Amino acid sequence: MKNKLNSFLPIFKNFKESSIFNAVILAGIFQAILLSLTLVSKEFVDKYERKINTFWRYIISTIYIFLITIISYSIMYILFEYGGGMLISTV
C-alpha cells in the first residue's frame, strides 16, 4: 500500500524549492491556502465564539489556527511535497 501511495505523491513532481523563485512561489501558494481556509470558515467559528468569554476565545482561536495550519501543510505536501526540508535525517 505504501508503494502505491508514494507513486502518486506529490501530484506536481517537478516543482520543488530548488531555487529562490520556486521557494517564494510555493510559500505564496501556502499562504493563499491558509488564508482561504481561514476566511471560509471564519463565519462558522464566529457564530459559536460570541457566546463564550474572552479567555476561551483565545484558546479556541489558537487551536483553530493550529488545525488550519496542519491542513494547509498537508495540502501542500500532497501537491508539491512541501515541507520535506523541515525533516532531519537520521545519522
Protein backbone atom coordinates (compact mmCIF):
# COMPACT_ATOMS: atom_id res chain seq x y z
CA MET A 1 0.00 0.00 0.00
CA LYS A 2 2.80 2.41 0.86
CA ASN A 3 4.48 1.98 -2.55
CA LYS A 4 1.21 2.69 -4.39
CA LEU A 5 0.67 5.86 -2.37
CA ASN A 6 4.23 7.06 -2.91
CA SER A 7 3.86 6.66 -6.68
CA PHE A 8 1.03 9.24 -6.67
CA LEU A 9 2.62 11.77 -4.33
CA PRO A 10 3.41 14.56 -4.91
CA ILE A 11 0.91 15.45 -7.61
CA PHE A 12 3.28 18.02 -9.16
CA LYS A 13 6.55 16.09 -9.12
CA ASN A 14 8.92 18.55 -10.81
CA PHE A 15 8.15 21.69 -8.78
CA LYS A 16 10.48 21.76 -5.78
CA GLU A 17 12.07 24.51 -3.69
CA SER A 18 15.25 24.24 -5.73
CA SER A 19 15.55 27.98 -6.42
CA ILE A 20 14.58 31.18 -4.65
CA PHE A 21 11.83 31.83 -7.20
CA ASN A 22 10.24 28.40 -6.66
CA ALA A 23 10.51 28.76 -2.88
CA VAL A 24 8.76 32.13 -2.98
CA ILE A 25 6.01 30.79 -5.25
CA LEU A 26 5.42 27.76 -3.00
CA ALA A 27 5.36 29.95 0.11
CA GLY A 28 2.82 32.21 -1.61
CA ILE A 29 0.63 29.23 -2.51
CA PHE A 30 0.83 28.01 1.09
CA GLN A 31 -0.21 31.42 2.43
CA ALA A 32 -3.09 31.60 -0.06
CA ILE A 33 -4.38 28.19 1.05
CA LEU A 34 -4.03 29.15 4.70
CA LEU A 35 -5.84 32.46 4.27
CA SER A 36 -8.58 30.92 2.13
CA LEU A 37 -9.34 28.21 4.69
CA THR A 38 -9.36 30.81 7.45
CA LEU A 39 -11.76 33.17 5.67
CA VAL A 40 -14.10 30.42 4.50
CA SER A 41 -14.54 29.00 7.97
CA LYS A 42 -14.44 32.30 9.91
CA GLU A 43 -18.20 32.89 9.82
CA PHE A 44 -18.88 29.41 11.17
CA VAL A 45 -16.46 29.86 14.05
CA ASP A 46 -17.66 33.39 14.85
CA LYS A 47 -21.25 32.20 15.17
CA TYR A 48 -20.31 29.96 18.12
CA GLU A 49 -17.48 32.08 19.52
CA ARG A 50 -19.68 35.04 20.51
CA LYS A 51 -21.36 33.05 23.27
CA ILE A 52 -18.19 32.43 25.33
CA ASN A 53 -15.83 34.59 27.38
CA THR A 54 -12.53 36.12 26.22
CA PHE A 55 -10.19 33.52 27.73
CA TRP A 56 -11.89 30.65 25.92
CA ARG A 57 -11.94 32.67 22.70
CA TYR A 58 -8.14 32.83 22.78
CA ILE A 59 -7.85 29.11 23.47
CA ILE A 60 -10.30 28.22 20.70
CA SER A 61 -8.59 30.61 18.27
CA THR A 62 -5.19 29.06 18.98
CA ILE A 63 -6.46 25.53 18.40
CA TYR A 64 -8.36 26.66 15.32
CA ILE A 65 -5.30 28.32 13.77
CA PHE A 66 -3.18 25.25 14.55
CA LEU A 67 -5.66 22.91 12.83
CA ILE A 68 -5.93 25.11 9.74
CA THR A 69 -2.14 25.29 9.51
CA ILE A 70 -1.84 21.49 9.72
CA ILE A 71 -4.48 21.12 6.99
CA SER A 72 -2.67 23.67 4.81
CA TYR A 73 0.69 21.93 5.20
CA SER A 74 -0.97 18.60 4.39
CA ILE A 75 -2.44 20.01 1.19
CA MET A 76 0.94 21.44 0.20
CA TYR A 77 2.65 18.13 0.97
CA ILE A 78 0.19 16.22 -1.20
CA LEU A 79 0.50 18.70 -4.06
CA PHE A 80 4.23 19.56 -4.01
CA GLU A 81 5.83 17.51 -1.20
CA TYR A 82 6.34 20.88 0.50
CA GLY A 83 7.92 20.82 3.94
CA GLY A 84 10.30 17.95 3.38
CA GLY A 85 13.23 20.27 4.10
CA MET A 86 11.98 20.64 7.66
CA LEU A 87 12.75 16.99 8.38
CA ILE A 88 16.07 15.96 9.86
CA SER A 89 17.81 12.92 8.50
CA THR A 90 18.82 10.16 10.86
CA VAL A 91 22.53 9.61 11.24
